[in-house]
Every structure is written in C-alpha cells, then in structure tokens.
C-alpha cells in the first residue's frame, strides 16, 4: 500500500500511516520482509552467521 499526498502534507500522511499500522497490525519489520538487507560484509569474504538486529 502506498500513501501519497500533495506538498507540505507530510504530517497528515504520517498520521494516516500510523493509524493504519495500528488498526491493521500488518506491519512487518524490514528484516522479515527482506533479510538480505541485514547481511554484513566480513573481511576476507567470509559470510557471517547473521548480523540482523
């Protein structure tokens, strides 16, 4: 879902998004949606077990 608005409506959009997240309980943290964003680079090319928060 995408929330869009006109210029200078950021505060109102954030309020709508927050209300939607609280009502729907559909929010998933980024580490669940795309775990590859949280892989760490190790010196020497070794892959770590995990470095997700």
PDB file of N, CA and C in Angstrom:
ATOM      1  N   UNK A   1       0.846  -1.152   0.000  1.00  0.00           N
ATOM      2  CA  UNK A   1       0.000   0.000   0.000  1.00  0.00           C
ATOM      3  C   UNK A   1       0.900   1.226   0.000  1.00  0.00           C
ATOM      4  N   UNK A   2       0.484   2.251  -0.683  1.00  0.00           N
ATOM      5  CA  UNK A   2       1.239   3.487  -0.770  1.00  0.00           C
ATOM      6  C   UNK A   2       0.345   4.646  -0.349  1.00  0.00           C
ATOM      7  N   UNK A   3       0.890   5.505   0.473  1.00  0.00           N
ATOM      8  CA  UNK A   3       0.185   6.720   0.868  1.00  0.00           C
ATOM      9  C   UNK A   3       0.855   7.889   0.168  1.00  0.00           C
ATOM     10  N   UNK A   4       0.091   8.645  -0.587  1.00  0.00           N
ATOM     11  CA  UNK A   4       0.614   9.791  -1.323  1.00  0.00           C
ATOM     12  C   UNK A   4      -0.157  11.042  -0.935  1.00  0.00           C
ATOM     13  N   UNK A   5       0.495  12.179  -1.083  1.00  0.00           N
ATOM     14  CA  UNK A   5      -0.173  13.440  -0.780  1.00  0.00           C
ATOM     15  C   UNK A   5       0.471  14.579  -1.539  1.00  0.00           C
ATOM     16  N   UNK A   6      -0.100  15.726  -1.389  1.00  0.00           N
ATOM     17  CA  UNK A   6       0.433  16.916  -2.044  1.00  0.00           C
ATOM     18  C   UNK A   6       1.545  17.515  -1.182  1.00  0.00           C
ATOM     19  N   UNK A   7       2.154  18.556  -1.692  1.00  0.00           N
ATOM     20  CA  UNK A   7       3.256  19.201  -0.981  1.00  0.00           C
ATOM     21  C   UNK A   7       2.812  19.683   0.402  1.00  0.00           C
ATOM     22  N   UNK A   8       3.694  19.525   1.363  1.00  0.00           N
ATOM     23  CA  UNK A   8       3.505  20.004   2.731  1.00  0.00           C
ATOM     24  C   UNK A   8       2.400  19.271   3.494  1.00  0.00           C
ATOM     25  N   UNK A   9       2.074  18.030   3.112  1.00  0.00           N
ATOM     26  CA  UNK A   9       1.079  17.245   3.846  1.00  0.00           C
ATOM     27  C   UNK A   9       1.723  16.071   4.571  1.00  0.00           C
ATOM     28  N   UNK A  10       3.032  16.150   4.811  1.00  0.00           N
ATOM     29  CA  UNK A  10       3.748  15.033   5.420  1.00  0.00           C
ATOM     30  C   UNK A  10       3.187  14.683   6.799  1.00  0.00           C
ATOM     31  N   UNK A  11       2.892  15.679   7.613  1.00  0.00           N
ATOM     32  CA  UNK A  11       2.386  15.404   8.963  1.00  0.00           C
ATOM     33  C   UNK A  11       1.060  14.655   8.907  1.00  0.00           C
ATOM     34  N   UNK A  12       0.190  15.062   8.029  1.00  0.00           N
ATOM     35  CA  UNK A  12      -1.103  14.396   7.888  1.00  0.00           C
ATOM     36  C   UNK A  12      -0.918  12.968   7.368  1.00  0.00           C
ATOM     37  N   UNK A  13      -0.022  12.789   6.383  1.00  0.00           N
ATOM     38  CA  UNK A  13       0.241  11.451   5.845  1.00  0.00           C
ATOM     39  C   UNK A  13       0.806  10.528   6.915  1.00  0.00           C
ATOM     40  N   UNK A  14       1.748  11.026   7.708  1.00  0.00           N
ATOM     41  CA  UNK A  14       2.303  10.202   8.772  1.00  0.00           C
ATOM     42  C   UNK A  14       1.229   9.797   9.779  1.00  0.00           C
ATOM     43  N   UNK A  15       0.314  10.688  10.064  1.00  0.00           N
ATOM     44  CA  UNK A  15      -0.780  10.364  10.976  1.00  0.00           C
ATOM     45  C   UNK A  15      -1.663   9.274  10.381  1.00  0.00           C
ATOM     46  N   UNK A  16      -1.953   9.352   9.091  1.00  0.00           N
ATOM     47  CA  UNK A  16      -2.765   8.321   8.428  1.00  0.00           C
ATOM     48  C   UNK A  16      -2.057   6.975   8.435  1.00  0.00           C
ATOM     49  N   UNK A  17      -0.768   6.996   8.123  1.00  0.00           N
ATOM     50  CA  UNK A  17       0.000   5.752   8.071  1.00  0.00           C
ATOM     51  C   UNK A  17       0.083   5.123   9.463  1.00  0.00           C
ATOM     52  N   UNK A  18       0.340   5.931  10.454  1.00  0.00           N
ATOM     53  CA  UNK A  18       0.423   5.406  11.818  1.00  0.00           C
ATOM     54  C   UNK A  18      -0.920   4.799  12.235  1.00  0.00           C
ATOM     55  N   UNK A  19      -2.005   5.489  11.967  1.00  0.00           N
ATOM     56  CA  UNK A  19      -3.333   4.968  12.314  1.00  0.00           C
ATOM     57  C   UNK A  19      -3.612   3.658  11.574  1.00  0.00           C
ATOM     58  N   UNK A  20      -3.226   3.589  10.313  1.00  0.00           N
ATOM     59  CA  UNK A  20      -3.425   2.355   9.543  1.00  0.00           C
ATOM     60  C   UNK A  20      -2.614   1.208  10.140  1.00  0.00           C
ATOM     61  N   UNK A  21      -1.344   1.461  10.459  1.00  0.00           N
ATOM     62  CA  UNK A  21      -0.500   0.414  11.038  1.00  0.00           C
ATOM     63  C   UNK A  21      -1.069  -0.088  12.355  1.00  0.00           C
ATOM     64  N   UNK A  22      -1.546   0.814  13.185  1.00  0.00           N
ATOM     65  CA  UNK A  22      -2.095   0.407  14.472  1.00  0.00           C
ATOM     66  C   UNK A  22      -3.385  -0.392  14.314  1.00  0.00           C
ATOM     67  N   UNK A  23      -4.234  -0.001  13.376  1.00  0.00           N
ATOM     68  CA  UNK A  23      -5.521  -0.677  13.185  1.00  0.00           C
ATOM     69  C   UNK A  23      -5.367  -2.026  12.489  1.00  0.00           C
ATOM     70  N   UNK A  24      -4.474  -2.110  11.520  1.00  0.00           N
ATOM     71  CA  UNK A  24      -4.370  -3.335  10.718  1.00  0.00           C
ATOM     72  C   UNK A  24      -3.453  -4.382  11.335  1.00  0.00           C
ATOM     73  N   UNK A  25      -2.477  -3.947  12.116  1.00  0.00           N
ATOM     74  CA  UNK A  25      -1.479  -4.850  12.692  1.00  0.00           C
ATOM     75  C   UNK A  25      -0.772  -5.680  11.615  1.00  0.00           C
ATOM     76  N   UNK A  26      -0.618  -5.120  10.429  1.00  0.00           N
ATOM     77  CA  UNK A  26       0.018  -5.799   9.306  1.00  0.00           C
ATOM     78  C   UNK A  26       1.499  -5.471   9.161  1.00  0.00           C
ATOM     79  N   UNK A  27       2.019  -4.562   9.961  1.00  0.00           N
ATOM     80  CA  UNK A  27       3.409  -4.148   9.804  1.00  0.00           C
ATOM     81  C   UNK A  27       4.357  -5.295  10.108  1.00  0.00           C
ATOM     82  N   UNK A  28       5.351  -5.463   9.230  1.00  0.00           N
ATOM     83  CA  UNK A  28       6.426  -6.418   9.442  1.00  0.00           C
ATOM     84  C   UNK A  28       7.739  -5.647   9.376  1.00  0.00           C
ATOM     85  N   UNK A  29       8.678  -5.955  10.261  1.00  0.00           N
ATOM     86  CA  UNK A  29       9.948  -5.237  10.220  1.00  0.00           C
ATOM     87  C   UNK A  29      10.706  -5.531   8.931  1.00  0.00           C
ATOM     88  N   UNK A  30      11.551  -4.618   8.479  1.00  0.00           N
ATOM     89  CA  UNK A  30      12.304  -4.829   7.239  1.00  0.00           C
ATOM     90  C   UNK A  30      13.139  -6.107   7.250  1.00  0.00           C
ATOM     91  N   UNK A  31      13.629  -6.516   8.418  1.00  0.00           N
ATOM     92  CA  UNK A  31      14.443  -7.728   8.474  1.00  0.00           C
ATOM     93  C   UNK A  31      13.633  -8.972   8.144  1.00  0.00           C
ATOM     94  N   UNK A  32      12.312  -8.917   8.276  1.00  0.00           N
ATOM     95  CA  UNK A  32      11.450 -10.043   7.910  1.00  0.00           C
ATOM     96  C   UNK A  32      11.101  -9.970   6.425  1.00  0.00           C
ATOM     97  N   UNK A  33      10.843  -8.776   5.938  1.00  0.00           N
ATOM     98  CA  UNK A  33      10.438  -8.588   4.545  1.00  0.00           C
ATOM     99  C   UNK A  33      11.589  -8.892   3.597  1.00  0.00           C
ATOM    100  N   UNK A  34      12.787  -8.373   3.906  1.00  0.00           N
ATOM    101  CA  UNK A  34      13.948  -8.567   3.037  1.00  0.00           C
ATOM    102  C   UNK A  34      15.193  -8.774   3.900  1.00  0.00           C
ATOM    103  N   UNK A  35      15.440 -10.004   4.346  1.00  0.00           N
ATOM    104  CA  UNK A  35      16.575 -10.244   5.238  1.00  0.00           C
ATOM    105  C   UNK A  35      17.924  -9.950   4.599  1.00  0.00           C
ATOM    106  N   UNK A  36      18.005  -9.939   3.279  1.00  0.00           N
ATOM    107  CA  UNK A  36      19.297  -9.689   2.633  1.00  0.00           C
ATOM    108  C   UNK A  36      19.806  -8.275   2.907  1.00  0.00           C
ATOM    109  N   UNK A  37      18.950  -7.363   3.314  1.00  0.00           N
ATOM    110  CA  UNK A  37      19.384  -6.013   3.657  1.00  0.00           C
ATOM    111  C   UNK A  37      20.239  -5.993   4.919  1.00  0.00           C
ATOM    112  N   UNK A  38      20.159  -7.054   5.712  1.00  0.00           N
ATOM    113  CA  UNK A  38      20.823  -7.069   7.003  1.00  0.00           C
ATOM    114  C   UNK A  38      22.022  -8.002   7.044  1.00  0.00           C
ATOM    115  N   UNK A  39      22.499  -8.456   5.897  1.00  0.00           N
ATOM    116  CA  UNK A  39      23.713  -9.271   5.869  1.00  0.00           C
ATOM    117  C   UNK A  39      24.920  -8.361   6.001  1.00  0.00           C
ATOM    118  N   UNK A  40      25.885  -8.789   6.766  1.00  0.00           N
ATOM    119  CA  UNK A  40      27.099  -7.989   6.981  1.00  0.00           C
ATOM    120  C   UNK A  40      28.210  -8.472   6.066  1.00  0.00           C
ATOM    121  N   UNK A  41      29.059  -7.565   5.663  1.00  0.00           N
ATOM    122  CA  UNK A  41      30.244  -7.921   4.881  1.00  0.00           C
ATOM    123  C   UNK A  41      31.384  -8.188   5.847  1.00  0.00           C
ATOM    124  N   UNK A  42      32.049  -9.295   5.672  1.00  0.00           N
ATOM    125  CA  UNK A  42      33.175  -9.671   6.514  1.00  0.00           C
ATOM    126  C   UNK A  42      34.464  -9.522   5.727  1.00  0.00           C
ATOM    127  N   UNK A  43      35.544  -9.085   6.376  1.00  0.00           N
ATOM    128  CA  UNK A  43      36.840  -9.046   5.695  1.00  0.00           C
ATOM    129  C   UNK A  43      37.243 -10.450   5.263  1.00  0.00           C
ATOM    130  N   UNK A  44      37.809 -10.572   4.099  1.00  0.00           N
ATOM    131  CA  UNK A  44      38.248 -11.869   3.600  1.00  0.00           C
ATOM    132  C   UNK A  44      37.147 -12.648   2.905  1.00  0.00           C
ATOM    133  N   UNK A  45      35.970 -12.067   2.773  1.00  0.00           N
ATOM    134  CA  UNK A  45      34.885 -12.716   2.044  1.00  0.00           C
ATOM    135  C   UNK A  45      34.121 -13.771   2.819  1.00  0.00           C
ATOM    136  N   UNK A  46      34.390 -13.903   4.121  1.00  0.00           N
ATOM    137  CA  UNK A  46      33.645 -14.887   4.917  1.00  0.00           C
ATOM    138  C   UNK A  46      32.222 -14.374   5.140  1.00  0.00           C
ATOM    139  N   UNK A  47      31.270 -15.266   5.086  1.00  0.00           N
ATOM    140  CA  UNK A  47      29.873 -14.912   5.345  1.00  0.00           C
ATOM    141  C   UNK A  47      29.572 -15.102   6.822  1.00  0.00           C
ATOM    142  N   UNK A  48      29.018 -14.104   7.491  1.00  0.00           N
ATOM    143  CA  UNK A  48      28.682 -14.251   8.897  1.00  0.00           C
ATOM    144  C   UNK A  48      27.437 -15.109   9.070  1.00  0.00           C
ATOM    145  N   UNK A  49      27.241 -15.641  10.260  1.00  0.00           N
ATOM    146  CA  UNK A  49      26.031 -16.388  10.577  1.00  0.00           C
ATOM    147  C   UNK A  49      24.816 -15.474  10.395  1.00  0.00           C
ATOM    148  N   UNK A  50      24.835 -14.355  11.086  1.00  0.00           N
ATOM    149  CA  UNK A  50      23.783 -13.359  10.971  1.00  0.00           C
ATOM    150  C   UNK A  50      24.265 -12.060  11.613  1.00  0.00           C
ATOM    151  N   UNK A  51      23.781 -10.976  11.153  1.00  0.00           N
ATOM    152  CA  UNK A  51      24.076  -9.703  11.802  1.00  0.00           C
ATOM    153  C   UNK A  51      22.812  -8.857  11.833  1.00  0.00           C
ATOM    154  N   UNK A  52      21.669  -9.509  11.652  1.00  0.00           N
ATOM    155  CA  UNK A  52      20.400  -8.795  11.700  1.00  0.00           C
ATOM    156  C   UNK A  52      20.162  -8.302  13.108  1.00  0.00           C
ATOM    157  N   UNK A  53      19.550  -7.142  13.245  1.00  0.00           N
ATOM    158  CA  UNK A  53      19.275  -6.616  14.592  1.00  0.00           C
ATOM    159  C   UNK A  53      18.283  -7.471  15.328  1.00  0.00           C
TER     160      UNK A  53
END
